[in-house]
C-alpha cells in the first residue's frame, strides 16, 4: 500500500516513533522523554473552552471538558490517550480533548492513567475501568445524562476496548466504543506487522518494547491485555474502529471489527489508506486526522440519537 504524500513526508523525518536505540531507554531516560514533545505544535490549537477542570475519579486524575456554557446533562465521552502505556498524558493530549468536546458537543473526560514501567499491567486498565465506573456511579458530578461512550487511540484504544467488555460484564450499558489504531493483541503476528515492520513510524520492534514495558510477565492471552482474545464479544457496545493503512496494528484492529460483527455487535471499520500510526493525534501534519475526527464525531452523534430513541 503506498503511503499518503503527507505520511511519506512524515516518515522521512520520523522513520520510527521513538527514534532511539531501545537498549538505552532506562527509566531515567523514559521519564526525561515524557517531558519532551517535539510535535506539540502539530497537535492542534488549545482552543479556549468555557469549562475545563481537573478532578479525580476515585483517585485517578482526569480533566473534564465542556464546550458550551450550559449545565444541562449531556452524554459523556471518556477519552484514553495513546503512548504505548509508557508515554502520553492529559496535558500532552489537551488539544485533542478540547477538539473532541467541540466536535461532539458533549462532556469529554480525559484520563491520566498510570504509566509503565513504574506501574505495569494491569494498572492502566484498572484506572480506565475506575473512571468509567465512577461516571456511571456519579452522573450528576459529570453532568451526564446517562449516555457514556469510550474513545481511545493506540494503547488508549486498548484501554477503551477493555473498559467496554468490563462494562458489559458489570451490566453497565455503554452507548458506543471508538477504537483508533488500537492495540488489541499482544501476539504481534499479523501480516501488517511484517509488511510495516520498519520505516512507517511505529516499528514492530518498538511495539514489542512497549508491550514488554507494560505487560511484563503477564499472560499475553489475558483479555485485559489482548481484547481480541476475549472469549465472547456478544453484547459489547456498538463500535467504530479506525485504522491506518500503513500501521503494524492495522490487521488486529480490523480483525476485532469483524469479530464484533460476527457476534452481532453493530461495528463499522474504516481504514484511512496510506496513513501511518498516530495520524489521528496530529492534525497539523495530516489532513486525514481532521477527516477521521469528523468521522468519529459523526458516529458518536449517531450513537446518542440511537440511545435516546
Protein backbone atom coordinates (compact mmCIF):
# COMPACT_ATOMS: atom_id res chain seq x y z
CA UNK A 1 0.00 0.00 0.00
CA UNK A 2 1.50 3.37 -0.99
CA UNK A 3 1.96 5.99 1.69
CA UNK A 4 -0.17 9.12 1.59
CA UNK A 5 2.05 12.03 0.47
CA UNK A 6 1.80 13.66 3.90
CA UNK A 7 2.68 10.36 5.58
CA UNK A 8 5.65 9.98 3.25
CA UNK A 9 6.95 13.38 4.33
CA UNK A 10 6.40 12.47 7.97
CA UNK A 11 8.27 9.15 7.94
CA UNK A 12 11.13 10.74 6.04
CA UNK A 13 11.67 12.83 9.16
CA UNK A 14 10.43 10.29 11.73
CA UNK A 15 11.04 6.76 10.39
CA UNK A 16 10.36 5.36 13.87
CA UNK A 17 8.24 6.62 16.76
CA UNK A 18 10.95 6.67 19.42
CA UNK A 19 13.85 7.31 17.06
CA UNK A 20 16.41 5.95 19.52
CA UNK A 21 18.27 2.81 20.50
CA UNK A 22 15.74 0.90 22.60
CA UNK A 23 18.55 -0.60 24.69
CA UNK A 24 19.33 2.88 26.04
CA UNK A 25 15.81 3.52 27.32
CA UNK A 26 16.16 3.01 31.04
CA UNK A 27 13.66 4.52 33.47
CA UNK A 28 15.54 7.81 33.77
CA UNK A 29 15.57 8.27 30.00
CA UNK A 30 11.89 7.35 29.73
CA UNK A 31 10.98 9.94 32.35
CA UNK A 32 13.10 12.55 30.59
CA UNK A 33 11.35 11.84 27.28
CA UNK A 34 7.94 12.24 28.91
CA UNK A 35 8.79 15.89 29.46
CA UNK A 36 9.57 16.43 25.78
CA UNK A 37 7.10 16.90 22.93
CA UNK A 38 8.71 17.83 19.64
CA UNK A 39 5.33 17.53 17.89
CA UNK A 40 3.38 19.77 20.28
CA UNK A 41 2.74 22.41 17.62
CA UNK A 42 1.19 19.78 15.34
CA UNK A 43 -1.36 18.50 17.87
CA UNK A 44 -3.81 21.31 17.16
CA UNK A 45 -4.80 24.57 18.85
CA UNK A 46 -5.58 24.80 22.55
CA UNK A 47 -8.99 26.25 21.86
CA UNK A 48 -10.40 28.18 24.81
CA UNK A 49 -13.48 26.47 26.26
CA UNK A 50 -15.92 27.81 28.87
CA UNK A 51 -15.40 24.73 31.06
CA UNK A 52 -12.12 22.87 31.63
CA UNK A 53 -11.48 21.42 35.07
CA UNK A 54 -9.04 18.97 36.64
CA UNK A 55 -10.61 16.47 39.01
CA UNK A 56 -10.11 12.91 40.23
CA UNK A 57 -12.25 9.81 39.86
CA UNK A 58 -11.61 7.57 42.85
CA UNK A 59 -8.04 8.83 42.89
CA UNK A 60 -7.41 8.73 39.13
CA UNK A 61 -6.57 12.18 37.70
CA UNK A 62 -8.94 13.36 34.97
CA UNK A 63 -9.62 16.52 33.01
CA UNK A 64 -13.21 17.41 32.16
CA UNK A 65 -14.08 19.49 29.08
CA UNK A 66 -17.35 21.06 28.04
CA UNK A 67 -17.69 23.32 25.02
CA UNK A 68 -20.89 25.13 25.99
CA UNK A 69 -21.79 27.36 28.93
CA UNK A 70 -24.85 25.38 29.97
CA UNK A 71 -25.27 22.93 32.82
CA UNK A 72 -27.87 20.62 31.29
CA UNK A 73 -26.98 16.92 31.43
CA UNK A 74 -25.16 15.68 28.33
CA UNK A 75 -23.65 12.44 27.07
CA UNK A 76 -20.10 11.77 28.24
CA UNK A 77 -17.10 10.66 26.19
CA UNK A 78 -14.30 9.05 28.18
CA UNK A 79 -11.01 9.51 26.31
CA UNK A 80 -7.86 7.41 26.81
CA UNK A 81 -4.68 8.77 25.22
CA UNK A 82 -2.05 6.77 23.36
CA UNK A 83 1.66 6.39 24.02
CA UNK A 84 2.24 2.66 24.37
CA UNK A 85 1.14 2.73 28.03
CA UNK A 86 4.56 4.35 28.68
CA UNK A 87 4.20 7.90 27.32
CA UNK A 88 1.43 10.42 26.94
CA UNK A 89 -0.72 12.37 29.37
CA UNK A 90 -3.81 14.52 29.62
CA UNK A 91 -1.56 17.57 29.22
CA UNK A 92 0.07 16.28 26.03
CA UNK A 93 -3.35 15.44 24.60
CA UNK A 94 -5.04 18.61 25.80
CA UNK A 95 -5.67 19.88 22.27
CA UNK A 96 -7.39 16.63 21.31
CA UNK A 97 -9.57 16.67 24.43
CA UNK A 98 -10.73 20.17 23.59
CA UNK A 99 -11.28 19.27 19.96
CA UNK A 100 -13.39 16.25 20.87
CA UNK A 101 -15.56 18.41 23.13
CA UNK A 102 -16.13 20.91 20.33
CA UNK A 103 -16.80 18.34 17.61
CA UNK A 104 -19.14 16.18 19.70
CA UNK A 105 -20.84 18.91 21.75
CA UNK A 106 -20.77 16.72 24.85
CA UNK A 107 -18.76 16.34 28.05
CA UNK A 108 -15.29 14.85 27.49
CA UNK A 109 -13.40 13.21 30.35
CA UNK A 110 -9.70 12.68 29.57
CA UNK A 111 -7.95 10.14 31.78
CA UNK A 112 -4.40 10.41 33.20
CA UNK A 113 -3.97 6.71 33.83
CA UNK A 114 -0.79 5.37 35.43
CA UNK A 115 2.12 4.64 33.11
CA UNK A 116 4.51 1.72 32.77
CA UNK A 117 7.12 0.61 33.61
CA UNK A 118 6.61 2.16 37.05
CA UNK A 119 3.02 0.92 37.02
CA UNK A 120 2.84 -2.26 34.92
CA UNK A 121 -0.21 -4.20 33.75
CA UNK A 122 -2.98 -4.06 34.75
CA UNK A 123 -2.58 -0.60 36.34
CA UNK A 124 -3.63 1.37 33.24
CA UNK A 125 -6.61 -0.90 32.60
CA UNK A 126 -7.64 -0.67 36.25
CA UNK A 127 -7.53 3.13 36.12
CA UNK A 128 -9.55 3.19 32.90
CA UNK A 129 -12.25 1.00 34.39
CA UNK A 130 -12.26 3.04 37.62
CA UNK A 131 -13.11 6.20 35.70
CA UNK A 132 -15.83 4.58 33.59
CA UNK A 133 -17.40 3.05 36.67
CA UNK A 134 -17.29 6.38 38.52
CA UNK A 135 -19.10 8.19 35.71
CA UNK A 136 -21.95 5.70 35.93
CA UNK A 137 -21.94 5.96 39.74
CA UNK A 138 -21.91 9.79 39.90
CA UNK A 139 -23.70 11.11 36.80
CA UNK A 140 -24.57 14.46 38.38
CA UNK A 141 -20.90 15.20 39.12
CA UNK A 142 -20.07 14.78 35.43
CA UNK A 143 -23.26 16.49 34.21
CA UNK A 144 -24.04 13.18 32.50
CA UNK A 145 -27.41 12.29 31.06
CA UNK A 146 -26.55 8.61 31.40
CA UNK A 147 -25.18 8.04 27.89
CA UNK A 148 -21.48 7.14 28.11
CA UNK A 149 -19.03 6.26 25.34
CA UNK A 150 -15.35 5.32 25.45
CA UNK A 151 -12.79 6.58 22.94
CA UNK A 152 -9.12 5.65 22.78
CA UNK A 153 -6.25 5.72 20.33
CA UNK A 154 -3.31 3.27 20.18
CA UNK A 155 -2.71 1.99 23.73
CA UNK A 156 -5.70 4.11 24.72
CA UNK A 157 -7.75 2.11 22.22
CA UNK A 158 -6.69 -1.00 24.09
CA UNK A 159 -7.93 0.54 27.35
CA UNK A 160 -11.20 1.60 25.74
CA UNK A 161 -11.81 -1.91 24.41
CA UNK A 162 -11.04 -3.45 27.80
CA UNK A 163 -13.31 -0.99 29.59
CA UNK A 164 -16.08 -1.82 27.11
CA UNK A 165 -16.12 -5.50 27.96
CA UNK A 166 -15.75 -4.80 31.66
CA UNK A 167 -18.80 -2.53 31.44
CA UNK A 168 -20.74 -5.25 29.65
CA UNK A 169 -19.82 -7.80 32.31
CA UNK A 170 -20.80 -5.35 35.07
CA UNK A 171 -24.19 -4.70 33.49
CA UNK A 172 -23.36 -1.10 32.55
CA UNK A 173 -24.58 -0.14 29.08
CA UNK A 174 -22.12 1.88 27.02
CA UNK A 175 -23.58 3.84 24.14
CA UNK A 176 -20.52 3.33 21.93
CA UNK A 177 -16.83 2.47 21.78
CA UNK A 178 -14.39 4.16 19.40
CA UNK A 179 -11.07 2.41 18.87
CA UNK A 180 -8.49 4.36 16.86
CA UNK A 181 -5.46 2.36 15.69
CA UNK A 182 -5.85 0.23 18.82
CA UNK A 183 -3.54 -2.38 20.34
CA UNK A 184 -5.76 -5.45 20.60
CA UNK A 185 -3.47 -8.48 20.59
CA UNK A 186 -0.07 -8.96 22.25
CA UNK A 187 0.77 -11.77 19.80
CA UNK A 188 2.08 -9.26 17.21
CA UNK A 189 1.98 -11.90 14.47
CA UNK A 190 -0.19 -10.42 11.73
CA UNK A 191 0.66 -9.67 8.12
CA UNK A 192 0.64 -5.93 8.83
CA UNK A 193 3.35 -6.46 11.46
CA UNK A 194 5.52 -7.96 8.75
CA UNK A 195 4.61 -5.52 5.99
CA UNK A 196 5.15 -2.36 8.05
CA UNK A 197 7.77 -3.65 10.47
CA UNK A 198 10.21 -0.82 9.87
CA UNK A 199 10.19 2.67 8.39
CA UNK A 200 6.49 3.51 8.81
CA UNK A 201 6.59 5.41 12.11
CA UNK A 202 5.73 2.78 14.72
CA UNK A 203 8.19 -0.08 14.23
CA UNK A 204 7.32 -3.66 15.11
CA UNK A 205 10.36 -3.73 17.39
CA UNK A 206 9.14 -0.60 19.17
CA UNK A 207 5.68 -2.06 19.63
CA UNK A 208 7.22 -5.17 21.18
CA UNK A 209 9.20 -2.89 23.51
CA UNK A 210 6.02 -1.08 24.56
CA UNK A 211 4.17 -4.33 25.21
CA UNK A 212 7.08 -5.66 27.26
CA UNK A 213 7.26 -2.47 29.37
CA UNK A 214 3.53 -2.70 30.14
CA UNK A 215 2.81 -6.43 30.22
CA UNK A 216 5.98 -7.70 31.85
CA UNK A 217 5.34 -11.34 32.59
CA UNK A 218 1.56 -11.21 32.12
CA UNK A 219 -0.19 -13.84 30.06
CA UNK A 220 -0.38 -12.36 26.53
CA UNK A 221 -3.77 -14.04 26.09
CA UNK A 222 -5.28 -12.19 29.07
CA UNK A 223 -8.17 -10.21 27.53
CA UNK A 224 -7.28 -7.23 29.74
CA UNK A 225 -4.10 -7.09 27.64
CA UNK A 226 -5.38 -8.63 24.38
CA UNK A 227 -9.09 -7.89 23.92
CA UNK A 228 -9.04 -9.90 20.69
CA UNK A 229 -8.67 -12.96 22.94
CA UNK A 230 -11.92 -12.24 24.80
CA UNK A 231 -13.92 -15.50 24.90
CA UNK A 232 -17.11 -13.83 23.68
CA UNK A 233 -17.77 -10.48 22.01
CA UNK A 234 -21.54 -10.83 22.26
CA UNK A 235 -23.30 -7.92 23.92
CA UNK A 236 -20.44 -5.45 23.63
CA UNK A 237 -21.18 -1.81 22.89
CA UNK A 238 -21.58 -0.77 19.25
CA UNK A 239 -18.21 0.14 17.83
CA UNK A 240 -16.32 2.37 15.45
CA UNK A 241 -12.86 1.10 14.56
CA UNK A 242 -10.46 3.45 12.77
CA UNK A 243 -7.32 2.01 11.22
CA UNK A 244 -4.30 3.41 9.38
CA UNK A 245 -3.44 1.61 6.16
CA UNK A 246 0.32 1.53 6.86
CA UNK A 247 0.30 0.56 10.53
CA UNK A 248 1.57 -2.61 12.22
CA UNK A 249 -1.65 -2.60 14.29
CA UNK A 250 -3.98 -2.45 11.28
CA UNK A 251 -4.80 -6.14 10.92
CA UNK A 252 -5.61 -6.89 14.56
CA UNK A 253 -7.92 -3.87 14.72
CA UNK A 254 -9.76 -4.89 11.57
CA UNK A 255 -9.96 -8.48 12.82
CA UNK A 256 -11.58 -7.16 16.00
CA UNK A 257 -14.15 -5.26 13.97
CA UNK A 258 -15.02 -8.45 12.09
CA UNK A 259 -15.26 -10.39 15.33
CA UNK A 260 -17.67 -7.84 16.78
CA UNK A 261 -19.85 -8.01 13.68
CA UNK A 262 -19.86 -11.81 13.72
CA UNK A 263 -21.05 -11.64 17.35
CA UNK A 264 -23.97 -9.43 16.34
CA UNK A 265 -22.43 -6.17 17.57
CA UNK A 266 -23.02 -3.17 15.27
CA UNK A 267 -19.48 -2.30 14.18
CA UNK A 268 -18.04 -0.13 11.46
CA UNK A 269 -14.39 -0.34 10.44
CA UNK A 270 -12.91 2.50 8.44
CA UNK A 271 -9.39 2.32 7.07
CA UNK A 272 -7.53 5.51 6.15
CA UNK A 273 -5.45 4.38 3.22
CA UNK A 274 -1.81 5.44 3.21
CA UNK A 275 -1.94 6.73 6.78
CA UNK A 276 0.58 5.81 9.46
CA UNK A 277 0.09 5.07 13.13
CA UNK A 278 -0.55 8.16 15.24
CA UNK A 279 -2.01 10.26 12.43
CA UNK A 280 -5.21 10.88 14.42
CA UNK A 281 -3.37 12.98 17.00
CA UNK A 282 -1.54 15.23 14.56
CA UNK A 283 -3.98 17.42 12.63
CA UNK A 284 -1.19 19.89 11.97
CA UNK A 285 0.50 17.30 9.78
CA UNK A 286 -2.26 15.09 8.41
CA UNK A 287 -5.43 16.17 6.65
CA UNK A 288 -6.70 12.65 7.32
CA UNK A 289 -6.66 13.44 11.05
CA UNK A 290 -9.40 16.02 10.55
CA UNK A 291 -11.36 13.62 8.37
CA UNK A 292 -11.04 10.86 10.97
CA UNK A 293 -12.09 13.13 13.82
CA UNK A 294 -15.16 14.26 11.90
CA UNK A 295 -15.99 10.62 11.23
CA UNK A 296 -15.65 9.73 14.92
CA UNK A 297 -17.78 12.71 15.98
CA UNK A 298 -20.49 11.77 13.49
CA UNK A 299 -20.54 8.20 14.73
CA UNK A 300 -20.85 9.40 18.33
CA UNK A 301 -23.68 11.76 17.43
CA UNK A 302 -25.46 8.84 15.81
CA UNK A 303 -24.91 6.79 18.96
CA UNK A 304 -26.51 9.49 21.13
CA UNK A 305 -29.54 9.58 18.82
CA UNK A 306 -29.91 5.80 18.97
CA UNK A 307 -29.54 5.82 22.75
CA UNK A 308 -32.23 8.47 23.12
CA UNK A 309 -34.72 6.72 20.80
